[in-house]
Amino acid sequence: LEYRRIPGSIIIGVLAVTVAAIAFGLQEFKGVFAPIPSLAPTFMQM
């Protein structure tokens, strides 16, 4: 794709492999949203 000067060739390649991996059952699609965890256990603990 880069030789053909297709814009965004790298991101296309990354997403293509990801989609193929999910489609073939090699990678789990883990959803979209999740609550933000608390920072308290490590915040200012130096």
PDB file of all heavy atoms in Angstrom:
ATOM      1  N   LEU A   1       0.831  -1.205   0.000  1.00  0.00           N
ATOM      2  CA  LEU A   1       0.000   0.000   0.000  1.00  0.00           C
ATOM      3  C   LEU A   1       0.863   1.253   0.000  1.00  0.00           C
ATOM      4  O   LEU A   1       0.527   2.254  -0.659  1.00  0.00           O
ATOM      5  CB  LEU A   1      -0.930   0.005   1.220  1.00  0.00           C
ATOM      6  CG  LEU A   1      -2.028  -1.063   1.242  1.00  0.00           C
ATOM      7  CD1 LEU A   1      -2.823  -0.975   2.543  1.00  0.00           C
ATOM      8  CD2 LEU A   1      -2.976  -0.890   0.054  1.00  0.00           C
ATOM      9  N   GLU A   2       1.969   1.217   0.739  1.00  0.00           N
ATOM     10  CA  GLU A   2       2.855   2.378   0.787  1.00  0.00           C
ATOM     11  C   GLU A   2       3.488   2.630  -0.578  1.00  0.00           C
ATOM     12  O   GLU A   2       3.638   3.779  -0.996  1.00  0.00           O
ATOM     13  CB  GLU A   2       3.944   2.142   1.846  1.00  0.00           C
ATOM     14  CG  GLU A   2       4.769   3.368   2.180  1.00  0.00           C
ATOM     15  CD  GLU A   2       3.966   4.481   2.823  1.00  0.00           C
ATOM     16  OE1 GLU A   2       2.931   4.190   3.459  1.00  0.00           O
ATOM     17  OE2 GLU A   2       4.365   5.655   2.677  1.00  0.00           O
ATOM     18  N   TYR A   3       3.864   1.553  -1.271  1.00  0.00           N
ATOM     19  CA  TYR A   3       4.432   1.712  -2.614  1.00  0.00           C
ATOM     20  C   TYR A   3       3.418   2.364  -3.558  1.00  0.00           C
ATOM     21  O   TYR A   3       3.777   3.170  -4.417  1.00  0.00           O
ATOM     22  CB  TYR A   3       4.854   0.352  -3.174  1.00  0.00           C
ATOM     23  CG  TYR A   3       5.421   0.435  -4.575  1.00  0.00           C
ATOM     24  CD1 TYR A   3       6.732   0.849  -4.780  1.00  0.00           C
ATOM     25  CD2 TYR A   3       4.642   0.114  -5.685  1.00  0.00           C
ATOM     26  CE1 TYR A   3       7.253   0.945  -6.064  1.00  0.00           C
ATOM     27  CE2 TYR A   3       5.149   0.213  -6.972  1.00  0.00           C
ATOM     28  CZ  TYR A   3       6.456   0.625  -7.154  1.00  0.00           C
ATOM     29  OH  TYR A   3       6.968   0.736  -8.427  1.00  0.00           O
ATOM     30  N   ARG A   4       2.160   2.035  -3.371  1.00  0.00           N
ATOM     31  CA  ARG A   4       1.088   2.630  -4.176  1.00  0.00           C
ATOM     32  C   ARG A   4       0.692   4.016  -3.671  1.00  0.00           C
ATOM     33  O   ARG A   4      -0.238   4.626  -4.202  1.00  0.00           O
ATOM     34  CB  ARG A   4      -0.143   1.723  -4.162  1.00  0.00           C
ATOM     35  CG  ARG A   4       0.043   0.408  -4.913  1.00  0.00           C
ATOM     36  CD  ARG A   4      -1.167  -0.487  -4.730  1.00  0.00           C
ATOM     37  NE  ARG A   4      -1.097  -1.674  -5.554  1.00  0.00           N
ATOM     38  CZ  ARG A   4      -1.592  -1.763  -6.782  1.00  0.00           C
ATOM     39  NH1 ARG A   4      -2.194  -0.719  -7.328  1.00  0.00           N
ATOM     40  NH2 ARG A   4      -1.490  -2.875  -7.478  1.00  0.00           N
ATOM     41  N   ARG A   5       1.357   4.474  -2.601  1.00  0.00           N
ATOM     42  CA  ARG A   5       1.101   5.777  -1.992  1.00  0.00           C
ATOM     43  C   ARG A   5      -0.345   5.905  -1.498  1.00  0.00           C
ATOM     44  O   ARG A   5      -0.987   6.942  -1.653  1.00  0.00           O
ATOM     45  CB  ARG A   5       1.437   6.912  -2.965  1.00  0.00           C
ATOM     46  CG  ARG A   5       2.886   6.897  -3.428  1.00  0.00           C
ATOM     47  CD  ARG A   5       3.229   8.125  -4.251  1.00  0.00           C
ATOM     48  NE  ARG A   5       4.593   8.066  -4.743  1.00  0.00           N
ATOM     49  CZ  ARG A   5       5.671   8.400  -4.041  1.00  0.00           C
ATOM     50  NH1 ARG A   5       5.530   8.814  -2.789  1.00  0.00           N
ATOM     51  NH2 ARG A   5       6.874   8.322  -4.576  1.00  0.00           N
ATOM     52  N   ILE A   6      -0.842   4.835  -0.897  1.00  0.00           N
ATOM     53  CA  ILE A   6      -2.170   4.863  -0.291  1.00  0.00           C
ATOM     54  C   ILE A   6      -2.057   5.525   1.081  1.00  0.00           C
ATOM     55  O   ILE A   6      -1.299   5.055   1.930  1.00  0.00           O
ATOM     56  CB  ILE A   6      -2.745   3.434  -0.128  1.00  0.00           C
ATOM     57  CG1 ILE A   6      -2.769   2.717  -1.475  1.00  0.00           C
ATOM     58  CG2 ILE A   6      -4.133   3.483   0.496  1.00  0.00           C
ATOM     59  CD1 ILE A   6      -3.663   3.357  -2.500  1.00  0.00           C
ATOM     60  N   PRO A   7      -2.781   6.614   1.345  1.00  0.00           N
ATOM     61  CA  PRO A   7      -2.685   7.293   2.652  1.00  0.00           C
ATOM     62  C   PRO A   7      -3.101   6.365   3.802  1.00  0.00           C
ATOM     63  O   PRO A   7      -4.052   5.594   3.676  1.00  0.00           O
ATOM     64  CB  PRO A   7      -3.676   8.469   2.507  1.00  0.00           C
ATOM     65  CG  PRO A   7      -3.812   8.680   1.029  1.00  0.00           C
ATOM     66  CD  PRO A   7      -3.681   7.312   0.419  1.00  0.00           C
ATOM     67  N   GLY A   8      -2.377   6.460   4.899  1.00  0.00           N
ATOM     68  CA  GLY A   8      -2.732   5.671   6.076  1.00  0.00           C
ATOM     69  C   GLY A   8      -2.456   4.195   5.938  1.00  0.00           C
ATOM     70  O   GLY A   8      -3.121   3.363   6.575  1.00  0.00           O
ATOM     71  N   SER A   9      -1.453   3.830   5.140  1.00  0.00           N
ATOM     72  CA  SER A   9      -1.187   2.413   4.874  1.00  0.00           C
ATOM     73  C   SER A   9      -0.852   1.639   6.150  1.00  0.00           C
ATOM     74  O   SER A   9      -1.256   0.483   6.314  1.00  0.00           O
ATOM     75  CB  SER A   9      -0.041   2.270   3.867  1.00  0.00           C
ATOM     76  OG  SER A   9       1.127   2.901   4.350  1.00  0.00           O
ATOM     77  N   ILE A  10      -0.125   2.277   7.062  1.00  0.00           N
ATOM     78  CA  ILE A  10       0.271   1.576   8.287  1.00  0.00           C
ATOM     79  C   ILE A  10      -0.933   1.272   9.162  1.00  0.00           C
ATOM     80  O   ILE A  10      -1.114   0.147   9.646  1.00  0.00           O
ATOM     81  CB  ILE A  10       1.319   2.402   9.068  1.00  0.00           C
ATOM     82  CG1 ILE A  10       2.647   2.424   8.302  1.00  0.00           C
ATOM     83  CG2 ILE A  10       1.540   1.815  10.456  1.00  0.00           C
ATOM     84  CD1 ILE A  10       3.756   3.195   9.001  1.00  0.00           C
ATOM     85  N   ILE A  11      -1.790   2.265   9.372  1.00  0.00           N
ATOM     86  CA  ILE A  11      -2.954   2.040  10.227  1.00  0.00           C
ATOM     87  C   ILE A  11      -3.919   1.049   9.569  1.00  0.00           C
ATOM     88  O   ILE A  11      -4.573   0.244  10.252  1.00  0.00           O
ATOM     89  CB  ILE A  11      -3.654   3.374  10.565  1.00  0.00           C
ATOM     90  CG1 ILE A  11      -4.599   3.176  11.752  1.00  0.00           C
ATOM     91  CG2 ILE A  11      -4.404   3.948   9.388  1.00  0.00           C
ATOM     92  CD1 ILE A  11      -5.140   4.482  12.305  1.00  0.00           C
ATOM     93  N   ILE A  12      -3.980   1.060   8.232  1.00  0.00           N
ATOM     94  CA  ILE A  12      -4.810   0.081   7.522  1.00  0.00           C
ATOM     95  C   ILE A  12      -4.290  -1.323   7.793  1.00  0.00           C
ATOM     96  O   ILE A  12      -5.055  -2.255   8.056  1.00  0.00           O
ATOM     97  CB  ILE A  12      -4.812   0.370   6.004  1.00  0.00           C
ATOM     98  CG1 ILE A  12      -5.587   1.669   5.712  1.00  0.00           C
ATOM     99  CG2 ILE A  12      -5.455  -0.791   5.233  1.00  0.00           C
ATOM    100  CD1 ILE A  12      -5.480   2.132   4.264  1.00  0.00           C
ATOM    101  N   GLY A  13      -2.967  -1.480   7.743  1.00  0.00           N
ATOM    102  CA  GLY A  13      -2.370  -2.787   7.994  1.00  0.00           C
ATOM    103  C   GLY A  13      -2.625  -3.285   9.400  1.00  0.00           C
ATOM    104  O   GLY A  13      -2.971  -4.458   9.610  1.00  0.00           O
ATOM    105  N   VAL A  14      -2.473  -2.393  10.391  1.00  0.00           N
ATOM    106  CA  VAL A  14      -2.701  -2.771  11.792  1.00  0.00           C
ATOM    107  C   VAL A  14      -4.152  -3.189  12.008  1.00  0.00           C
ATOM    108  O   VAL A  14      -4.440  -4.224  12.623  1.00  0.00           O
ATOM    109  CB  VAL A  14      -2.337  -1.602  12.728  1.00  0.00           C
ATOM    110  CG1 VAL A  14      -2.777  -1.891  14.157  1.00  0.00           C
ATOM    111  CG2 VAL A  14      -0.838  -1.331  12.685  1.00  0.00           C
ATOM    112  N   LEU A  15      -5.084  -2.391  11.495  1.00  0.00           N
ATOM    113  CA  LEU A  15      -6.511  -2.692  11.690  1.00  0.00           C
ATOM    114  C   LEU A  15      -6.928  -3.941  10.914  1.00  0.00           C
ATOM    115  O   LEU A  15      -7.772  -4.712  11.385  1.00  0.00           O
ATOM    116  CB  LEU A  15      -7.356  -1.492  11.275  1.00  0.00           C
ATOM    117  CG  LEU A  15      -7.197  -0.244  12.146  1.00  0.00           C
ATOM    118  CD1 LEU A  15      -8.038   0.908  11.604  1.00  0.00           C
ATOM    119  CD2 LEU A  15      -7.581  -0.542  13.593  1.00  0.00           C
ATOM    120  N   ALA A  16      -6.342  -4.146   9.734  1.00  0.00           N
ATOM    121  CA  ALA A  16      -6.679  -5.328   8.935  1.00  0.00           C
ATOM    122  C   ALA A  16      -6.299  -6.608   9.665  1.00  0.00           C
ATOM    123  O   ALA A  16      -7.062  -7.577   9.702  1.00  0.00           O
ATOM    124  CB  ALA A  16      -5.985  -5.261   7.571  1.00  0.00           C
ATOM    125  N   VAL A  17      -5.101  -6.627  10.253  1.00  0.00           N
ATOM    126  CA  VAL A  17      -4.661  -7.800  11.004  1.00  0.00           C
ATOM    127  C   VAL A  17      -5.542  -8.003  12.240  1.00  0.00           C
ATOM    128  O   VAL A  17      -5.919  -9.133  12.568  1.00  0.00           O
ATOM    129  CB  VAL A  17      -3.182  -7.655  11.423  1.00  0.00           C
ATOM    130  CG1 VAL A  17      -2.768  -8.803  12.335  1.00  0.00           C
ATOM    131  CG2 VAL A  17      -2.277  -7.629  10.192  1.00  0.00           C
ATOM    132  N   THR A  18      -5.915  -6.920  12.909  1.00  0.00           N
ATOM    133  CA  THR A  18      -6.766  -7.019  14.099  1.00  0.00           C
ATOM    134  C   THR A  18      -8.133  -7.586  13.758  1.00  0.00           C
ATOM    135  O   THR A  18      -8.630  -8.495  14.437  1.00  0.00           O
ATOM    136  CB  THR A  18      -6.932  -5.628  14.752  1.00  0.00           C
ATOM    137  OG1 THR A  18      -5.646  -5.114  15.109  1.00  0.00           O
ATOM    138  CG2 THR A  18      -7.804  -5.711  15.988  1.00  0.00           C
ATOM    139  N   VAL A  19      -8.740  -7.057  12.712  1.00  0.00           N
ATOM    140  CA  VAL A  19     -10.064  -7.536  12.298  1.00  0.00           C
ATOM    141  C   VAL A  19     -10.001  -9.005  11.892  1.00  0.00           C
ATOM    142  O   VAL A  19     -10.869  -9.807  12.253  1.00  0.00           O
ATOM    143  CB  VAL A  19     -10.611  -6.677  11.134  1.00  0.00           C
ATOM    144  CG1 VAL A  19     -11.867  -7.306  10.547  1.00  0.00           C
ATOM    145  CG2 VAL A  19     -10.906  -5.260  11.613  1.00  0.00           C
ATOM    146  N   ALA A  20      -8.952  -9.383  11.145  1.00  0.00           N
ATOM    147  CA  ALA A  20      -8.800 -10.776  10.726  1.00  0.00           C
ATOM    148  C   ALA A  20      -8.612 -11.689  11.936  1.00  0.00           C
ATOM    149  O   ALA A  20      -9.182 -12.785  11.988  1.00  0.00           O
ATOM    150  CB  ALA A  20      -7.609 -10.903   9.773  1.00  0.00           C
ATOM    151  N   ALA A  21      -7.835 -11.236  12.900  1.00  0.00           N
ATOM    152  CA  ALA A  21      -7.592 -12.043  14.101  1.00  0.00           C
ATOM    153  C   ALA A  21      -8.887 -12.277  14.878  1.00  0.00           C
ATOM    154  O   ALA A  21      -9.145 -13.387  15.360  1.00  0.00           O
ATOM    155  CB  ALA A  21      -6.559 -11.355  14.994  1.00  0.00           C
ATOM    156  N   ILE A  22      -9.700 -11.247  14.998  1.00  0.00           N
ATOM    157  CA  ILE A  22     -10.991 -11.383  15.694  1.00  0.00           C
ATOM    158  C   ILE A  22     -11.928 -12.295  14.909  1.00  0.00           C
ATOM    159  O   ILE A  22     -12.604 -13.161  15.471  1.00  0.00           O
ATOM    160  CB  ILE A  22     -11.630  -9.999  15.910  1.00  0.00           C
ATOM    161  CG1 ILE A  22     -10.770  -9.174  16.894  1.00  0.00           C
ATOM    162  CG2 ILE A  22     -13.055 -10.123  16.436  1.00  0.00           C
ATOM    163  CD1 ILE A  22     -11.198  -7.725  17.032  1.00  0.00           C
ATOM    164  N   ALA A  23     -11.947 -12.122  13.584  1.00  0.00           N
ATOM    165  CA  ALA A  23     -12.832 -12.925  12.731  1.00  0.00           C
ATOM    166  C   ALA A  23     -12.470 -14.404  12.776  1.00  0.00           C
ATOM    167  O   ALA A  23     -13.361 -15.273  12.749  1.00  0.00           O
ATOM    168  CB  ALA A  23     -12.754 -12.409  11.291  1.00  0.00           C
ATOM    169  N   PHE A  24     -11.187 -14.719  12.871  1.00  0.00           N
ATOM    170  CA  PHE A  24     -10.738 -16.117  12.905  1.00  0.00           C
ATOM    171  C   PHE A  24     -10.711 -16.697  14.321  1.00  0.00           C
ATOM    172  O   PHE A  24     -10.294 -17.837  14.521  1.00  0.00           O
ATOM    173  CB  PHE A  24      -9.342 -16.240  12.290  1.00  0.00           C
ATOM    174  CG  PHE A  24      -9.300 -15.946  10.810  1.00  0.00           C
ATOM    175  CD1 PHE A  24      -8.208 -15.302  10.249  1.00  0.00           C
ATOM    176  CD2 PHE A  24     -10.364 -16.306   9.984  1.00  0.00           C
ATOM    177  CE1 PHE A  24      -8.161 -15.030   8.889  1.00  0.00           C
ATOM    178  CE2 PHE A  24     -10.330 -16.037   8.624  1.00  0.00           C
ATOM    179  CZ  PHE A  24      -9.240 -15.393   8.068  1.00  0.00           C
ATOM    180  N   GLY A  25     -11.137 -15.901  15.287  1.00  0.00           N
ATOM    181  CA  GLY A  25     -11.175 -16.390  16.664  1.00  0.00           C
ATOM    182  C   GLY A  25      -9.828 -16.448  17.334  1.00  0.00           C
ATOM    183  O   GLY A  25      -9.664 -17.118  18.357  1.00  0.00           O
ATOM    184  N   LEU A  26      -8.844 -15.723  16.789  1.00  0.00           N
ATOM    185  CA  LEU A  26      -7.497 -15.719  17.364  1.00  0.00           C
ATOM    186  C   LEU A  26      -7.338 -14.636  18.427  1.00  0.00           C
ATOM    187  O   LEU A  26      -6.420 -14.675  19.237  1.00  0.00           O
ATOM    188  CB  LEU A  26      -6.449 -15.497  16.265  1.00  0.00           C
ATOM    189  CG  LEU A  26      -6.442 -16.525  15.131  1.00  0.00           C
ATOM    190  CD1 LEU A  26      -5.476 -16.086  14.043  1.00  0.00           C
ATOM    191  CD2 LEU A  26      -6.063 -17.896  15.671  1.00  0.00           C
ATOM    192  N   GLN A  27      -8.211 -13.654  18.392  1.00  0.00           N
ATOM    193  CA  GLN A  27      -8.149 -12.544  19.332  1.00  0.00           C
ATOM    194  C   GLN A  27      -9.552 -12.247  19.842  1.00  0.00           C
ATOM    195  O   GLN A  27     -10.507 -12.180  19.059  1.00  0.00           O
ATOM    196  CB  GLN A  27      -7.560 -11.294  18.652  1.00  0.00           C
ATOM    197  CG  GLN A  27      -7.559 -10.042  19.504  1.00  0.00           C
ATOM    198  CD  GLN A  27      -6.579 -10.108  20.652  1.00  0.00           C
ATOM    199  OE1 GLN A  27      -5.729 -10.995  20.695  1.00  0.00           O
ATOM    200  NE2 GLN A  27      -6.679  -9.187  21.586  1.00  0.00           N
ATOM    201  N   GLU A  28      -9.665 -12.087  21.125  1.00  0.00           N
ATOM    202  CA  GLU A  28     -10.971 -11.793  21.723  1.00  0.00           C
ATOM    203  C   GLU A  28     -11.299 -10.316  21.572  1.00  0.00           C
ATOM    204  O   GLU A  28     -10.470  -9.444  21.823  1.00  0.00           O
ATOM    205  CB  GLU A  28     -10.945 -12.157  23.208  1.00  0.00           C
ATOM    206  CG  GLU A  28     -12.248 -11.840  23.934  1.00  0.00           C
ATOM    207  CD  GLU A  28     -12.123 -12.037  25.434  1.00  0.00           C
ATOM    208  OE1 GLU A  28     -11.043 -12.462  25.885  1.00  0.00           O
ATOM    209  OE2 GLU A  28     -13.108 -11.758  26.139  1.00  0.00           O
ATOM    210  N   PHE A  29     -12.523 -10.041  21.116  1.00  0.00           N
ATOM    211  CA  PHE A  29     -13.010  -8.665  21.100  1.00  0.00           C
ATOM    212  C   PHE A  29     -13.498  -8.367  22.507  1.00  0.00           C
ATOM    213  O   PHE A  29     -14.477  -8.934  22.976  1.00  0.00           O
ATOM    214  CB  PHE A  29     -14.136  -8.493  20.090  1.00  0.00           C
ATOM    215  CG  PHE A  29     -14.689  -7.093  20.053  1.00  0.00           C
ATOM    216  CD1 PHE A  29     -13.900  -6.033  19.653  1.00  0.00           C
ATOM    217  CD2 PHE A  29     -15.998  -6.848  20.433  1.00  0.00           C
ATOM    218  CE1 PHE A  29     -14.408  -4.740  19.628  1.00  0.00           C
ATOM    219  CE2 PHE A  29     -16.509  -5.565  20.413  1.00  0.00           C
ATOM    220  CZ  PHE A  29     -15.715  -4.505  19.998  1.00  0.00           C
ATOM    221  N   LYS A  30     -12.826  -7.476  23.190  1.00  0.00           N
ATOM    222  CA  LYS A  30     -13.039  -7.311  24.625  1.00  0.00           C
ATOM    223  C   LYS A  30     -14.030  -6.224  25.001  1.00  0.00           C
ATOM    224  O   LYS A  30     -14.116  -5.824  26.160  1.00  0.00           O
ATOM    225  CB  LYS A  30     -11.681  -7.042  25.300  1.00  0.00           C
ATOM    226  CG  LYS A  30     -10.706  -8.192  25.079  1.00  0.00           C
ATOM    227  CD  LYS A  30      -9.369  -7.949  25.732  1.00  0.00           C
ATOM    228  CE  LYS A  30      -8.431  -9.129  25.480  1.00  0.00           C
ATOM    229  NZ  LYS A  30      -7.107  -8.947  26.095  1.00  0.00           N
ATOM    230  N   GLY A  31     -14.788  -5.768  24.033  1.00  0.00           N
ATOM    231  CA  GLY A  31     -15.790  -4.758  24.322  1.00  0.00           C
ATOM    232  C   GLY A  31     -15.262  -3.365  24.057  1.00  0.00           C
ATOM    233  O   GLY A  31     -14.227  -3.177  23.421  1.00  0.00           O
ATOM    234  N   VAL A  32     -15.998  -2.377  24.558  1.00  0.00           N
ATOM    235  CA  VAL A  32     -15.665  -0.985  24.258  1.00  0.00           C
ATOM    236  C   VAL A  32     -15.414  -0.164  25.527  1.00  0.00           C
ATOM    237  O   VAL A  32     -14.353   0.397  25.713  1.00  0.00           O
ATOM    238  CB  VAL A  32     -16.788  -0.330  23.430  1.00  0.00           C
ATOM    239  CG1 VAL A  32     -16.435   1.121  23.122  1.00  0.00           C
ATOM    240  CG2 VAL A  32     -17.024  -1.101  22.137  1.00  0.00           C
ATOM    241  N   PHE A  33     -16.398  -0.119  26.426  1.00  0.00           N
ATOM    242  CA  PHE A  33     -16.290   0.766  27.586  1.00  0.00           C
ATOM    243  C   PHE A  33     -16.002   0.016  28.880  1.00  0.00           C
ATOM    244  O   PHE A  33     -16.363  -1.149  29.031  1.00  0.00           O
ATOM    245  CB  PHE A  33     -17.587   1.566  27.754  1.00  0.00           C
ATOM    246  CG  PHE A  33     -17.910   2.445  26.579  1.00  0.00           C
ATOM    247  CD1 PHE A  33     -18.896   2.073  25.673  1.00  0.00           C
ATOM    248  CD2 PHE A  33     -17.234   3.635  26.376  1.00  0.00           C
ATOM    249  CE1 PHE A  33     -19.209   2.870  24.587  1.00  0.00           C
ATOM    250  CE2 PHE A  33     -17.530   4.443  25.289  1.00  0.00           C
ATOM    251  CZ  PHE A  33     -18.517   4.066  24.393  1.00  0.00           C
ATOM    252  N   ALA A  34     -15.360   0.742  29.809  1.00  0.00           N
ATOM    253  CA  ALA A  34     -15.139   0.226  31.159  1.00  0.00           C
ATOM    254  C   ALA A  34     -14.964   1.418  32.096  1.00  0.00           C
ATOM    255  O   ALA A  34     -14.445   2.458  31.682  1.00  0.00           O
ATOM    256  CB  ALA A  34     -13.895  -0.668  31.212  1.00  0.00           C
ATOM    257  N   PRO A  35     -15.414   1.323  33.338  1.00  0.00           N
ATOM    258  CA  PRO A  35     -15.246   2.431  34.292  1.00  0.00           C
ATOM    259  C   PRO A  35     -13.766   2.726  34.528  1.00  0.00           C
ATOM    260  O   PRO A  35     -12.925   1.828  34.467  1.00  0.00           O
ATOM    261  CB  PRO A  35     -15.909   1.903  35.569  1.00  0.00           C
ATOM    262  CG  PRO A  35     -16.792   0.790  35.120  1.00  0.00           C
ATOM    263  CD  PRO A  35     -16.128   0.180  33.923  1.00  0.00           C
ATOM    264  N   ILE A  36     -13.443   3.982  34.805  1.00  0.00           N
ATOM    265  CA  ILE A  36     -12.057   4.362  35.093  1.00  0.00           C
ATOM    266  C   ILE A  36     -11.714   3.945  36.518  1.00  0.00           C
ATOM    267  O   ILE A  36     -12.392   4.337  37.464  1.00  0.00           O
ATOM    268  CB  ILE A  36     -11.856   5.882  34.947  1.00  0.00           C
ATOM    269  CG1 ILE A  36     -12.206   6.324  33.527  1.00  0.00           C
ATOM    270  CG2 ILE A  36     -10.409   6.262  35.278  1.00  0.00           C
ATOM    271  CD1 ILE A  36     -12.097   7.812  33.314  1.00  0.00           C
ATOM    272  N   PRO A  37     -10.683   3.143  36.704  1.00  0.00           N
ATOM    273  CA  PRO A  37     -10.294   2.710  38.064  1.00  0.00           C
ATOM    274  C   PRO A  37      -9.772   3.874  38.905  1.00  0.00           C
ATOM    275  O   PRO A  37      -9.455   4.951  38.388  1.00  0.00           O
ATOM    276  CB  PRO A  37      -9.193   1.671  37.797  1.00  0.00           C
ATOM    277  CG  PRO A  37      -9.317   1.316  36.352  1.00  0.00           C
ATOM    278  CD  PRO A  37      -9.839   2.539  35.672  1.00  0.00           C
ATOM    279  N   SER A  38      -9.619   3.646  40.189  1.00  0.00           N
ATOM    280  CA  SER A  38      -9.111   4.662  41.112  1.00  0.00           C
ATOM    281  C   SER A  38      -7.589   4.733  41.059  1.00  0.00           C
ATOM    282  O   SER A  38      -6.910   3.712  40.952  1.00  0.00           O
ATOM    283  CB  SER A  38      -9.551   4.344  42.540  1.00  0.00           C
ATOM    284  OG  SER A  38      -8.904   5.206  43.462  1.00  0.00           O
ATOM    285  N   LEU A  39      -7.054   5.948  41.158  1.00  0.00           N
ATOM    286  CA  LEU A  39      -5.616   6.178  41.189  1.00  0.00           C
ATOM    287  C   LEU A  39      -5.067   6.180  42.617  1.00  0.00           C
ATOM    288  O   LEU A  39      -3.851   6.142  42.831  1.00  0.00           O
ATOM    289  CB  LEU A  39      -5.308   7.523  40.512  1.00  0.00           C
ATOM    290  CG  LEU A  39      -3.844   7.919  40.269  1.00  0.00           C
ATOM    291  CD1 LEU A  39      -3.160   6.946  39.320  1.00  0.00           C
ATOM    292  CD2 LEU A  39      -3.762   9.337  39.710  1.00  0.00           C
ATOM    293  N   ALA A  40      -5.959   6.179  43.586  1.00  0.00           N
ATOM    294  CA  ALA A  40      -5.575   6.360  44.991  1.00  0.00           C
ATOM    295  C   ALA A  40      -4.489   5.408  45.505  1.00  0.00           C
ATOM    296  O   ALA A  40      -3.595   5.835  46.248  1.00  0.00           O
ATOM    297  CB  ALA A  40      -6.816   6.261  45.879  1.00  0.00           C
ATOM    298  N   PRO A  41      -4.505   4.111  45.145  1.00  0.00           N
ATOM    299  CA  PRO A  41      -3.507   3.190  45.721  1.00  0.00           C
ATOM    300  C   PRO A  41      -2.051   3.538  45.422  1.00  0.00           C
ATOM    301  O   PRO A  41      -1.155   3.116  46.157  1.00  0.00           O
ATOM    302  CB  PRO A  41      -3.888   1.835  45.106  1.00  0.00           C
ATOM    303  CG  PRO A  41      -5.350   1.962  44.809  1.00  0.00           C
ATOM    304  CD  PRO A  41      -5.525   3.377  44.358  1.00  0.00           C
ATOM    305  N   THR A  42      -1.791   4.293  44.349  1.00  0.00           N
ATOM    306  CA  THR A  42      -0.402   4.631  44.005  1.00  0.00           C
ATOM    307  C   THR A  42      -0.138   6.131  44.013  1.00  0.00           C
ATOM    308  O   THR A  42       1.015   6.549  43.913  1.00  0.00           O
ATOM    309  CB  THR A  42      -0.023   4.081  42.613  1.00  0.00           C
ATOM    310  OG1 THR A  42      -0.920   4.631  41.627  1.00  0.00           O
ATOM    311  CG2 THR A  42      -0.104   2.566  42.591  1.00  0.00           C
ATOM    312  N   PHE A  43      -1.168   6.950  44.127  1.00  0.00           N
ATOM    313  CA  PHE A  43      -1.004   8.404  44.028  1.00  0.00           C
ATOM    314  C   PHE A  43      -0.226   8.956  45.213  1.00  0.00           C
ATOM    315  O   PHE A  43      -0.576   8.726  46.374  1.00  0.00           O
ATOM    316  CB  PHE A  43      -2.371   9.085  43.936  1.00  0.00           C
ATOM    317  CG  PHE A  43      -2.287  10.574  43.736  1.00  0.00           C
ATOM    318  CD1 PHE A  43      -1.776  11.106  42.563  1.00  0.00           C
ATOM    319  CD2 PHE A  43      -2.706  11.443  44.737  1.00  0.00           C
ATOM    320  CE1 PHE A  43      -1.693  12.475  42.377  1.00  0.00           C
ATOM    321  CE2 PHE A  43      -2.634  12.819  44.560  1.00  0.00           C
ATOM    322  CZ  PHE A  43      -2.128  13.332  43.375  1.00  0.00           C
ATOM    323  N   MET A  44       0.870   9.688  44.917  1.00  0.00           N
ATOM    324  CA  MET A  44       1.720  10.334  45.928  1.00  0.00           C
ATOM    325  C   MET A  44       2.230   9.344  46.977  1.00  0.00           C
ATOM    326  O   MET A  44       2.289   9.652  48.171  1.00  0.00           O
ATOM    327  CB  MET A  44       0.959  11.474  46.607  1.00  0.00           C
ATOM    328  CG  MET A  44       0.597  12.614  45.673  1.00  0.00           C
ATOM    329  SD  MET A  44       2.054  13.440  44.918  1.00  0.00           S
ATOM    330  CE  MET A  44       2.738  14.269  46.357  1.00  0.00           C
ATOM    331  N   GLN A  45       2.614   8.169  46.537  1.00  0.00           N
ATOM    332  CA  GLN A  45       3.104   7.134  47.456  1.00  0.00           C
ATOM    333  C   GLN A  45       4.626   7.053  47.491  1.00  0.00           C
ATOM    334  O   GLN A  45       5.181   6.114  48.054  1.00  0.00           O
ATOM    335  CB  GLN A  45       2.524   5.771  47.045  1.00  0.00           C
ATOM    336  CG  GLN A  45       1.026   5.642  47.225  1.00  0.00           C
ATOM    337  CD  GLN A  45       0.609   5.775  48.673  1.00  0.00           C
ATOM    338  OE1 GLN A  45       1.133   5.098  49.557  1.00  0.00           O
ATOM    339  NE2 GLN A  45      -0.331   6.667  48.934  1.00  0.00           N
ATOM    340  N   MET A  46       5.322   8.026  46.903  1.00  0.00           N
ATOM    341  CA  MET A  46       6.787   8.003  46.914  1.00  0.00           C
ATOM    342  C   MET A  46       7.308   8.033  48.348  1.00  0.00           C
ATOM    343  O   MET A  46       6.774   8.764  49.183  1.00  0.00           O
ATOM    344  CB  MET A  46       7.376   9.191  46.153  1.00  0.00           C
ATOM    345  CG  MET A  46       6.932   9.294  44.704  1.00  0.00           C
ATOM    346  SD  MET A  46       5.479  10.336  44.573  1.00  0.00           S
ATOM    347  CE  MET A  46       6.168  11.938  44.924  1.00  0.00           C
TER     348      MET A  46
END
